[in-house]
Amino acid sequence: MDILSKLRAPEGAVREKKRVGRGPGSGHGKTATRGQKGQKARSKGNINKKHFQGGQTPMQRRLPKRGFRNPLATPVFEVNVGDLEAVFEAGATVDLAALHKVRLVRGRLEDLVKARVLVKLLGDGELTKKLTVSAHRFSQSAADKIAAVGGSIVELPRTPQKTAAAEG
C-alpha cells in the first residue's frame, strides 16, 4: 500500500482563502475588511509603493533641477598626443580610420567620417615622433607639440557632410 498518497496536512495547518465582499453572511461583507472611509478604503487607495511619502510632495519634486543636457549636442572624442606616441610609428599618417582601428575612438567609423561624432586632439603627454594627424579639432598645446617635432595637422570639417545619395 502506497503511504505517500495518504499523507494529509495536520488539522489547522492549511487555512482557507478569505473571500471578502461576498455579503453580510460571510462576515467579511459591506466594507470587505477595509474599514470605514479613508484613503485605504478607496478602490484606488493603494499607497504601498516604495516612492510614496504619505501624501507629502515627493523627494524628486522637492529637490531643484540641476543643469541641462543638450539633446542636439555633437559628441566629441578626446585623444591625447601621449596616446598617439604609444600607438603609432614615426612618419605615420594618423587619420580617423587609423584612430578607429587602434580603438582610440569608438563607435561607427561612418559617424566619424561624416562628422556626426567629432575627434579633438588634446595636448596631454609627450610626443617625439613626426606624425601627420587628421582630426576635427586641435587644442593649441596639441598643435604646438605636433609642430615642434616636425609633424603636420589636417583640420577636418566640423559640420556633418552630406553624401551624394542624400542630395539626389
C-alpha atoms as a PDB file:
ATOM      1  CA  MET A   1       0.000   0.000   0.000  1.00  0.00           C
ATOM      2  CA  ASP A   2       1.363   3.396  -1.014  1.00  0.00           C
ATOM      3  CA  ILE A   3       1.616   5.543   2.102  1.00  0.00           C
ATOM      4  CA  LEU A   4       2.654   8.757   0.295  1.00  0.00           C
ATOM      5  CA  SER A   5      -0.742   9.069  -1.372  1.00  0.00           C
ATOM      6  CA  LYS A   6      -2.451   9.036   2.033  1.00  0.00           C
ATOM      7  CA  LEU A   7      -0.481  11.975   3.507  1.00  0.00           C
ATOM      8  CA  ARG A   8      -2.585  14.910   4.738  1.00  0.00           C
ATOM      9  CA  ALA A   9      -1.636  18.221   6.348  1.00  0.00           C
ATOM     10  CA  PRO A  10      -2.237  18.335  10.107  1.00  0.00           C
ATOM     11  CA  GLU A  11      -5.528  19.798  11.320  1.00  0.00           C
ATOM     12  CA  GLY A  12      -5.433  23.636  11.156  1.00  0.00           C
ATOM     13  CA  ALA A  13      -2.187  23.834   9.142  1.00  0.00           C
ATOM     14  CA  VAL A  14      -3.845  24.964   5.907  1.00  0.00           C
ATOM     15  CA  ARG A  15      -6.150  27.967   6.034  1.00  0.00           C
ATOM     16  CA  GLU A  16      -8.893  28.587   3.516  1.00  0.00           C
ATOM     17  CA  LYS A  17      -8.660  31.739   1.402  1.00  0.00           C
ATOM     18  CA  LYS A  18     -10.526  34.709   2.886  1.00  0.00           C
ATOM     19  CA  ARG A  19     -13.327  35.659   0.472  1.00  0.00           C
ATOM     20  CA  VAL A  20     -14.193  39.307   1.110  1.00  0.00           C
ATOM     21  CA  GLY A  21     -17.094  41.384  -0.145  1.00  0.00           C
ATOM     22  CA  ARG A  22     -19.499  38.415  -0.505  1.00  0.00           C
ATOM     23  CA  GLY A  23     -22.400  39.715   1.577  1.00  0.00           C
ATOM     24  CA  PRO A  24     -23.175  40.087   5.292  1.00  0.00           C
ATOM     25  CA  GLY A  25     -23.436  36.317   5.902  1.00  0.00           C
ATOM     26  CA  SER A  26     -19.759  35.822   5.114  1.00  0.00           C
ATOM     27  CA  GLY A  27     -18.603  38.001   7.977  1.00  0.00           C
ATOM     28  CA  HIS A  28     -16.488  39.995   5.516  1.00  0.00           C
ATOM     29  CA  GLY A  29     -19.212  41.808   3.596  1.00  0.00           C
ATOM     30  CA  LYS A  30     -20.026  45.529   3.237  1.00  0.00           C
ATOM     31  CA  THR A  31     -16.608  47.153   3.698  1.00  0.00           C
ATOM     32  CA  ALA A  32     -14.735  43.950   2.768  1.00  0.00           C
ATOM     33  CA  THR A  33     -12.203  44.236   5.635  1.00  0.00           C
ATOM     34  CA  ARG A  34     -11.125  47.718   4.534  1.00  0.00           C
ATOM     35  CA  GLY A  35     -12.682  49.604   7.420  1.00  0.00           C
ATOM     36  CA  GLN A  36     -14.660  52.858   7.303  1.00  0.00           C
ATOM     37  CA  LYS A  37     -13.687  55.608   4.846  1.00  0.00           C
ATOM     38  CA  GLY A  38     -10.140  56.923   4.338  1.00  0.00           C
ATOM     39  CA  GLN A  39      -7.611  56.558   1.558  1.00  0.00           C
ATOM     40  CA  LYS A  40      -7.002  52.855   2.146  1.00  0.00           C
ATOM     41  CA  ALA A  41     -10.745  52.129   1.891  1.00  0.00           C
ATOM     42  CA  ARG A  42     -10.980  53.562  -1.621  1.00  0.00           C
ATOM     43  CA  SER A  43     -10.682  51.478  -4.751  1.00  0.00           C
ATOM     44  CA  LYS A  44      -7.514  53.285  -5.900  1.00  0.00           C
ATOM     45  CA  GLY A  45      -6.088  53.906  -2.452  1.00  0.00           C
ATOM     46  CA  ASN A  46      -3.031  51.735  -2.935  1.00  0.00           C
ATOM     47  CA  ILE A  47      -0.160  53.523  -1.191  1.00  0.00           C
ATOM     48  CA  ASN A  48       2.135  50.519  -0.859  1.00  0.00           C
ATOM     49  CA  LYS A  49       4.705  51.948  -3.260  1.00  0.00           C
ATOM     50  CA  LYS A  50       8.355  52.455  -2.428  1.00  0.00           C
ATOM     51  CA  HIS A  51       8.330  56.083  -3.539  1.00  0.00           C
ATOM     52  CA  PHE A  52       5.073  57.023  -1.772  1.00  0.00           C
ATOM     53  CA  GLN A  53       5.770  59.503   1.048  1.00  0.00           C
ATOM     54  CA  GLY A  54       2.466  59.764   2.844  1.00  0.00           C
ATOM     55  CA  GLY A  55       0.930  62.322   0.523  1.00  0.00           C
ATOM     56  CA  GLN A  56       3.642  64.935   1.003  1.00  0.00           C
ATOM     57  CA  THR A  57       5.423  66.290  -2.056  1.00  0.00           C
ATOM     58  CA  PRO A  58       7.765  63.525  -3.251  1.00  0.00           C
ATOM     59  CA  MET A  59      11.508  63.901  -2.926  1.00  0.00           C
ATOM     60  CA  GLN A  60      12.057  64.123  -6.697  1.00  0.00           C
ATOM     61  CA  ARG A  61       9.720  67.134  -6.844  1.00  0.00           C
ATOM     62  CA  ARG A  62      11.126  68.845  -3.744  1.00  0.00           C
ATOM     63  CA  LEU A  63      14.709  68.873  -4.998  1.00  0.00           C
ATOM     64  CA  PRO A  64      15.674  71.557  -7.519  1.00  0.00           C
ATOM     65  CA  LYS A  65      16.593  70.587 -11.048  1.00  0.00           C
ATOM     66  CA  ARG A  66      20.258  70.960 -11.868  1.00  0.00           C
ATOM     67  CA  GLY A  67      21.888  71.595 -15.193  1.00  0.00           C
ATOM     68  CA  PHE A  68      20.803  70.985 -18.728  1.00  0.00           C
ATOM     69  CA  ARG A  69      21.785  68.321 -21.234  1.00  0.00           C
ATOM     70  CA  ASN A  70      21.525  69.427 -24.840  1.00  0.00           C
ATOM     71  CA  PRO A  71      19.965  66.547 -26.815  1.00  0.00           C
ATOM     72  CA  LEU A  72      21.274  68.050 -30.067  1.00  0.00           C
ATOM     73  CA  ALA A  73      24.915  68.343 -28.972  1.00  0.00           C
ATOM     74  CA  THR A  74      27.513  66.690 -31.192  1.00  0.00           C
ATOM     75  CA  PRO A  75      29.532  64.101 -29.230  1.00  0.00           C
ATOM     76  CA  VAL A  76      33.305  64.683 -29.151  1.00  0.00           C
ATOM     77  CA  PHE A  77      36.011  62.018 -28.654  1.00  0.00           C
ATOM     78  CA  GLU A  78      39.129  63.325 -26.935  1.00  0.00           C
ATOM     79  CA  VAL A  79      42.525  61.860 -27.828  1.00  0.00           C
ATOM     80  CA  ASN A  80      45.788  62.957 -26.188  1.00  0.00           C
ATOM     81  CA  VAL A  81      49.080  63.295 -28.064  1.00  0.00           C
ATOM     82  CA  GLY A  82      50.604  60.923 -25.494  1.00  0.00           C
ATOM     83  CA  ASP A  83      48.229  58.219 -26.752  1.00  0.00           C
ATOM     84  CA  LEU A  84      49.493  58.767 -30.318  1.00  0.00           C
ATOM     85  CA  GLU A  85      53.095  58.409 -29.105  1.00  0.00           C
ATOM     86  CA  ALA A  86      52.361  54.981 -27.633  1.00  0.00           C
ATOM     87  CA  VAL A  87      50.474  53.547 -30.612  1.00  0.00           C
ATOM     88  CA  PHE A  88      51.811  54.966 -33.899  1.00  0.00           C
ATOM     89  CA  GLU A  89      55.230  54.662 -35.572  1.00  0.00           C
ATOM     90  CA  ALA A  90      57.274  57.689 -36.675  1.00  0.00           C
ATOM     91  CA  GLY A  91      56.129  59.139 -40.008  1.00  0.00           C
ATOM     92  CA  ALA A  92      52.664  57.554 -39.796  1.00  0.00           C
ATOM     93  CA  THR A  93      49.524  59.222 -41.072  1.00  0.00           C
ATOM     94  CA  VAL A  94      47.007  59.366 -38.248  1.00  0.00           C
ATOM     95  CA  ASP A  95      43.508  59.763 -39.671  1.00  0.00           C
ATOM     96  CA  LEU A  96      40.057  58.817 -38.381  1.00  0.00           C
ATOM     97  CA  ALA A  97      40.281  55.272 -39.744  1.00  0.00           C
ATOM     98  CA  ALA A  98      43.660  54.719 -38.057  1.00  0.00           C
ATOM     99  CA  LEU A  99      42.365  56.061 -34.717  1.00  0.00           C
ATOM    100  CA  HIS A 100      39.313  53.809 -35.022  1.00  0.00           C
ATOM    101  CA  LYS A 101      41.428  50.778 -35.897  1.00  0.00           C
ATOM    102  CA  VAL A 102      43.598  51.109 -32.771  1.00  0.00           C
ATOM    103  CA  ARG A 103      40.429  51.835 -30.718  1.00  0.00           C
ATOM    104  CA  LEU A 104      41.389  55.316 -29.546  1.00  0.00           C
ATOM    105  CA  VAL A 105      37.926  56.335 -30.783  1.00  0.00           C
ATOM    106  CA  ARG A 106      34.868  54.090 -30.586  1.00  0.00           C
ATOM    107  CA  GLY A 107      31.578  53.813 -32.421  1.00  0.00           C
ATOM    108  CA  ARG A 108      30.858  53.622 -36.122  1.00  0.00           C
ATOM    109  CA  LEU A 109      33.556  54.826 -38.496  1.00  0.00           C
ATOM    110  CA  GLU A 110      30.837  56.247 -40.754  1.00  0.00           C
ATOM    111  CA  ASP A 111      29.750  58.655 -37.979  1.00  0.00           C
ATOM    112  CA  LEU A 112      33.336  59.880 -37.604  1.00  0.00           C
ATOM    113  CA  VAL A 113      33.820  60.386 -41.331  1.00  0.00           C
ATOM    114  CA  LYS A 114      30.525  62.263 -41.723  1.00  0.00           C
ATOM    115  CA  ALA A 115      31.318  64.426 -38.642  1.00  0.00           C
ATOM    116  CA  ARG A 116      28.309  63.236 -36.664  1.00  0.00           C
ATOM    117  CA  VAL A 117      30.885  62.466 -33.973  1.00  0.00           C
ATOM    118  CA  LEU A 118      33.930  64.742 -33.712  1.00  0.00           C
ATOM    119  CA  VAL A 119      37.509  63.935 -32.707  1.00  0.00           C
ATOM    120  CA  LYS A 120      39.530  66.509 -30.771  1.00  0.00           C
ATOM    121  CA  LEU A 121      43.247  66.164 -30.168  1.00  0.00           C
ATOM    122  CA  LEU A 122      44.430  67.356 -26.750  1.00  0.00           C
ATOM    123  CA  GLY A 123      47.962  68.174 -25.630  1.00  0.00           C
ATOM    124  CA  ASP A 124      48.369  65.871 -22.623  1.00  0.00           C
ATOM    125  CA  GLY A 125      51.529  63.747 -22.780  1.00  0.00           C
ATOM    126  CA  GLU A 126      54.752  63.962 -24.762  1.00  0.00           C
ATOM    127  CA  LEU A 127      55.252  63.479 -28.492  1.00  0.00           C
ATOM    128  CA  THR A 128      58.648  62.626 -30.024  1.00  0.00           C
ATOM    129  CA  LYS A 129      57.574  61.143 -33.369  1.00  0.00           C
ATOM    130  CA  LYS A 130      56.841  63.067 -36.551  1.00  0.00           C
ATOM    131  CA  LEU A 131      53.166  62.389 -37.434  1.00  0.00           C
ATOM    132  CA  THR A 132      50.598  63.728 -39.868  1.00  0.00           C
ATOM    133  CA  VAL A 133      47.418  63.975 -37.817  1.00  0.00           C
ATOM    134  CA  SER A 134      43.868  64.492 -39.132  1.00  0.00           C
ATOM    135  CA  ALA A 135      41.086  65.448 -36.705  1.00  0.00           C
ATOM    136  CA  HIS A 136      38.127  67.794 -36.423  1.00  0.00           C
ATOM    137  CA  ARG A 137      39.607  69.933 -33.656  1.00  0.00           C
ATOM    138  CA  PHE A 138      43.023  70.541 -32.094  1.00  0.00           C
ATOM    139  CA  SER A 139      43.879  72.209 -28.812  1.00  0.00           C
ATOM    140  CA  GLN A 140      46.588  74.853 -29.067  1.00  0.00           C
ATOM    141  CA  SER A 141      49.017  72.778 -26.979  1.00  0.00           C
ATOM    142  CA  ALA A 142      48.442  69.679 -29.157  1.00  0.00           C
ATOM    143  CA  ALA A 143      49.048  71.647 -32.360  1.00  0.00           C
ATOM    144  CA  ASP A 144      52.217  73.132 -30.863  1.00  0.00           C
ATOM    145  CA  LYS A 145      53.582  69.712 -29.791  1.00  0.00           C
ATOM    146  CA  ILE A 146      52.937  68.177 -33.230  1.00  0.00           C
ATOM    147  CA  ALA A 147      54.579  71.136 -34.986  1.00  0.00           C
ATOM    148  CA  ALA A 148      57.544  71.082 -32.575  1.00  0.00           C
ATOM    149  CA  VAL A 149      58.563  67.565 -33.696  1.00  0.00           C
ATOM    150  CA  GLY A 150      58.089  68.412 -37.397  1.00  0.00           C
ATOM    151  CA  GLY A 151      54.655  66.832 -37.844  1.00  0.00           C
ATOM    152  CA  SER A 152      51.630  68.404 -39.513  1.00  0.00           C
ATOM    153  CA  ILE A 153      47.940  68.712 -38.714  1.00  0.00           C
ATOM    154  CA  VAL A 154      44.956  68.457 -41.051  1.00  0.00           C
ATOM    155  CA  GLU A 155      41.774  70.009 -39.695  1.00  0.00           C
ATOM    156  CA  LEU A 156      38.678  68.210 -40.983  1.00  0.00           C
ATOM    157  CA  PRO A 157      35.324  69.977 -41.499  1.00  0.00           C
ATOM    158  CA  ARG A 158      33.258  70.123 -38.295  1.00  0.00           C
ATOM    159  CA  THR A 159      29.794  70.121 -39.829  1.00  0.00           C
ATOM    160  CA  PRO A 160      28.081  66.896 -40.924  1.00  0.00           C
ATOM    161  CA  GLN A 161      28.927  66.143 -44.544  1.00  0.00           C
ATOM    162  CA  LYS A 162      26.110  65.309 -46.947  1.00  0.00           C
ATOM    163  CA  THR A 163      26.573  62.286 -49.182  1.00  0.00           C
ATOM    164  CA  ALA A 164      25.665  62.085 -52.868  1.00  0.00           C
ATOM    165  CA  ALA A 165      22.787  59.700 -52.035  1.00  0.00           C
ATOM    166  CA  ALA A 166      21.299  62.168 -49.547  1.00  0.00           C
ATOM    167  CA  GLU A 167      21.424  65.064 -52.036  1.00  0.00           C
ATOM    168  CA  GLY A 168      19.892  63.261 -55.018  1.00  0.00           C
END
